C-alpha atoms as a PDB file:
ATOM      1  CA  MET A   1      18.584   8.491  -8.033  1.00  0.00           C
ATOM      2  CA  LYS A   2      16.775   5.987  -5.797  1.00  0.00           C
ATOM      3  CA  GLU A   3      15.648   8.822  -3.517  1.00  0.00           C
ATOM      4  CA  LEU A   4      14.156  10.683  -6.491  1.00  0.00           C
ATOM      5  CA  ASP A   5      12.425   7.524  -7.737  1.00  0.00           C
ATOM      6  CA  ASP A   6      11.034   6.887  -4.250  1.00  0.00           C
ATOM      7  CA  LEU A   7       9.796  10.477  -4.015  1.00  0.00           C
ATOM      8  CA  GLN A   8       8.125  10.288  -7.425  1.00  0.00           C
ATOM      9  CA  ALA A   9       6.434   7.022  -6.447  1.00  0.00           C
ATOM     10  CA  GLN A  10       5.152   8.568  -3.209  1.00  0.00           C
ATOM     11  CA  VAL A  11       3.813  11.632  -5.053  1.00  0.00           C
ATOM     12  CA  GLU A  12       1.999   9.355  -7.518  1.00  0.00           C
ATOM     13  CA  LYS A  13       0.549   7.278  -4.681  1.00  0.00           C
ATOM     14  CA  ASN A  14      -0.632  10.423  -2.875  1.00  0.00           C
ATOM     15  CA  ALA A  15      -2.268  11.700  -6.066  1.00  0.00           C
ATOM     16  CA  GLU A  16      -4.128   8.392  -6.417  1.00  0.00           C
ATOM     17  CA  VAL A  17      -5.277   8.563  -2.785  1.00  0.00           C
ATOM     18  CA  ASP A  18      -6.425  12.160  -3.243  1.00  0.00           C
ATOM     19  CA  ALA A  19      -8.372  11.228  -6.388  1.00  0.00           C
ATOM     20  CA  SER A  20      -9.997   8.313  -4.556  1.00  0.00           C
ATOM     21  CA  ALA A  21     -11.011  10.547  -1.657  1.00  0.00           C
ATOM     22  CA  ILE A  22     -12.504  13.106  -4.040  1.00  0.00           C
ATOM     23  CA  LEU A  23     -14.514  10.386  -5.813  1.00  0.00           C
ATOM     24  CA  LEU A  24     -15.696   9.010  -2.478  1.00  0.00           C
ATOM     25  CA  ILE A  25     -16.880  12.396  -1.230  1.00  0.00           C
ATOM     26  CA  LYS A  26     -18.540  13.287  -4.540  1.00  0.00           C
ATOM     27  CA  GLY A  27     -20.227   9.894  -4.704  1.00  0.00           C
ATOM     28  CA  LEU A  28     -21.451  10.219  -1.135  1.00  0.00           C
ATOM     29  CA  ALA A  29     -22.821  13.702  -1.795  1.00  0.00           C
ATOM     30  CA  ASP A  30     -24.604  12.411  -4.916  1.00  0.00           C
ATOM     31  CA  ARG A  31     -26.135   9.510  -2.975  1.00  0.00           C
ATOM     32  CA  ILE A  32     -27.372  11.803  -0.195  1.00  0.00           C
ATOM     33  CA  GLU A  33     -28.856  14.186  -2.765  1.00  0.00           C
ATOM     34  CA  ALA A  34     -30.624  11.302  -4.516  1.00  0.00           C
ATOM     35  CA  LEU A  35     -32.006   9.935  -1.231  1.00  0.00           C
ATOM     36  CA  LYS A  36     -32.905  13.233   0.453  1.00  0.00           C
ATOM     37  CA  ASN A  37     -36.656  12.602   0.285  1.00  0.00           C
ATOM     38  CA  ASP A  38     -36.495   9.000   1.539  1.00  0.00           C
ATOM     39  CA  PRO A  39     -35.630   8.843   5.254  1.00  0.00           C
ATOM     40  CA  VAL A  40     -35.522   5.033   5.250  1.00  0.00           C
ATOM     41  CA  LYS A  41     -32.874   4.953   2.516  1.00  0.00           C
ATOM     42  CA  ILE A  42     -30.943   7.794   4.160  1.00  0.00           C
ATOM     43  CA  GLN A  43     -30.872   5.740   7.371  1.00  0.00           C
ATOM     44  CA  ALA A  44     -29.708   2.671   5.419  1.00  0.00           C
ATOM     45  CA  LEU A  45     -26.892   4.747   3.907  1.00  0.00           C
ATOM     46  CA  ALA A  46     -25.898   6.005   7.358  1.00  0.00           C
ATOM     47  CA  ASP A  47     -25.904   2.444   8.707  1.00  0.00           C
ATOM     48  CA  ASP A  48     -23.782   1.286   5.764  1.00  0.00           C
ATOM     49  CA  LEU A  49     -21.271   4.075   6.330  1.00  0.00           C
ATOM     50  CA  ARG A  50     -21.027   3.284  10.048  1.00  0.00           C
ATOM     51  CA  ALA A  51     -20.450  -0.393   9.270  1.00  0.00           C
ATOM     52  CA  LYS A  52     -17.573   0.508   6.949  1.00  0.00           C
ATOM     53  CA  ASN A  53     -16.111   3.134   9.282  1.00  0.00           C
ATOM     54  CA  GLU A  54     -13.609   0.839  11.017  1.00  0.00           C
ATOM     55  CA  THR A  55     -12.431  -0.625   7.718  1.00  0.00           C
ATOM     56  CA  LEU A  56     -11.921   2.834   6.247  1.00  0.00           C
ATOM     57  CA  ALA A  57     -10.141   4.088   9.378  1.00  0.00           C
ATOM     58  CA  ALA A  58      -7.759   1.115   9.297  1.00  0.00           C
ATOM     59  CA  ALA A  59      -7.062   1.699   5.599  1.00  0.00           C
ATOM     60  CA  VAL A  60      -6.276   5.366   6.196  1.00  0.00           C
ATOM     61  CA  VAL A  61      -3.950   4.531   9.075  1.00  0.00           C
ATOM     62  CA  ALA A  62      -2.234   1.806   7.057  1.00  0.00           C
ATOM     63  CA  GLY A  63      -1.646   4.225   4.183  1.00  0.00           C
ATOM     64  CA  THR A  64      -0.407   7.067   6.375  1.00  0.00           C
ATOM     65  CA  PRO A  65       3.236   7.010   7.431  1.00  0.00           C
ATOM     66  CA  ALA A  66       3.787   7.573  11.122  1.00  0.00           C
ATOM     67  CA  GLU A  67       5.401  10.877  11.952  1.00  0.00           C
ATOM     68  CA  SER A  68       7.880  11.025  14.743  1.00  0.00           C
ATOM     69  CA  ALA A  69       7.094  13.451  17.500  1.00  0.00           C
ATOM     70  CA  PRO A  70       9.099  16.635  17.277  1.00  0.00           C
ATOM     71  CA  SER A  71      11.888  16.998  19.785  1.00  0.00           C
ATOM     72  CA  PRO A  72      11.135  19.567  22.448  1.00  0.00           C
ATOM     73  CA  THR A  73      13.037  22.808  22.119  1.00  0.00           C
ATOM     74  CA  PRO A  74      15.442  23.083  25.024  1.00  0.00           C
ATOM     75  CA  GLU A  75      15.064  26.082  27.299  1.00  0.00           C
ATOM     76  CA  PRO A  76      17.912  28.558  26.885  1.00  0.00           C
ATOM     77  CA  THR A  77      20.353  28.676  29.743  1.00  0.00           C
ATOM     78  CA  PRO A  78      20.160  32.073  31.429  1.00  0.00           C
ATOM     79  CA  GLU A  79      23.301  34.128  31.430  1.00  0.00           C
ATOM     80  CA  PRO A  80      24.875  34.235  34.901  1.00  0.00           C
ATOM     81  CA  THR A  81      24.732  37.549  36.696  1.00  0.00           C
ATOM     82  CA  PRO A  82      28.262  38.892  37.013  1.00  0.00           C
ATOM     83  CA  ALA A  83      29.557  39.342  40.525  1.00  0.00           C
ATOM     84  CA  PRO A  84      29.972  42.982  41.540  1.00  0.00           C
ATOM     85  CA  THR A  85      33.482  44.301  41.179  1.00  0.00           C
ATOM     86  CA  THR A  86      35.268  46.539  43.653  1.00  0.00           C
ATOM     87  CA  ALA A  87      34.576  49.511  41.375  1.00  0.00           C
ATOM     88  CA  THR A  88      30.826  48.777  41.328  1.00  0.00           C
ATOM     89  CA  VAL A  89      30.722  48.451  45.106  1.00  0.00           C
ATOM     90  CA  SER A  90      32.587  51.782  45.497  1.00  0.00           C
ATOM     91  CA  ILE A  91      30.229  53.592  43.102  1.00  0.00           C
ATOM     92  CA  ASN A  92      27.143  52.138  44.790  1.00  0.00           C
ATOM     93  CA  ARG A  93      28.428  53.169  48.259  1.00  0.00           C
ATOM     94  CA  SER A  94      29.090  56.701  47.051  1.00  0.00           C
ATOM     95  CA  ARG A  95      25.442  56.858  45.915  1.00  0.00           C
ATOM     96  CA  GLY A  96      24.219  55.560  49.246  1.00  0.00           C
ATOM     97  CA  GLN A  97      23.469  52.054  47.944  1.00  0.00           C
ATOM     98  CA  LYS A  98      24.747  48.826  49.361  1.00  0.00           C
END
């Protein structure tokens, strides 16, 4: 049951992260809308967002499990061409082929 408990905990954590991201985006959209007629405040908001960019990026990376790279699919081994048999050689010679 530990696997199920772990899975449920991860689902809950992901739901919380999703809700936080939705609130962040909505809040940002609301702030831009409120500041749309004030270029100085819009620039201040942009500067603030840039200043927090590295912190946010680190938080996203820290909360995102690393995925292992998929293993490359091996190329199929071609089937060997069968060597001609005496019967094949005889038929080919009768048709004028080598």
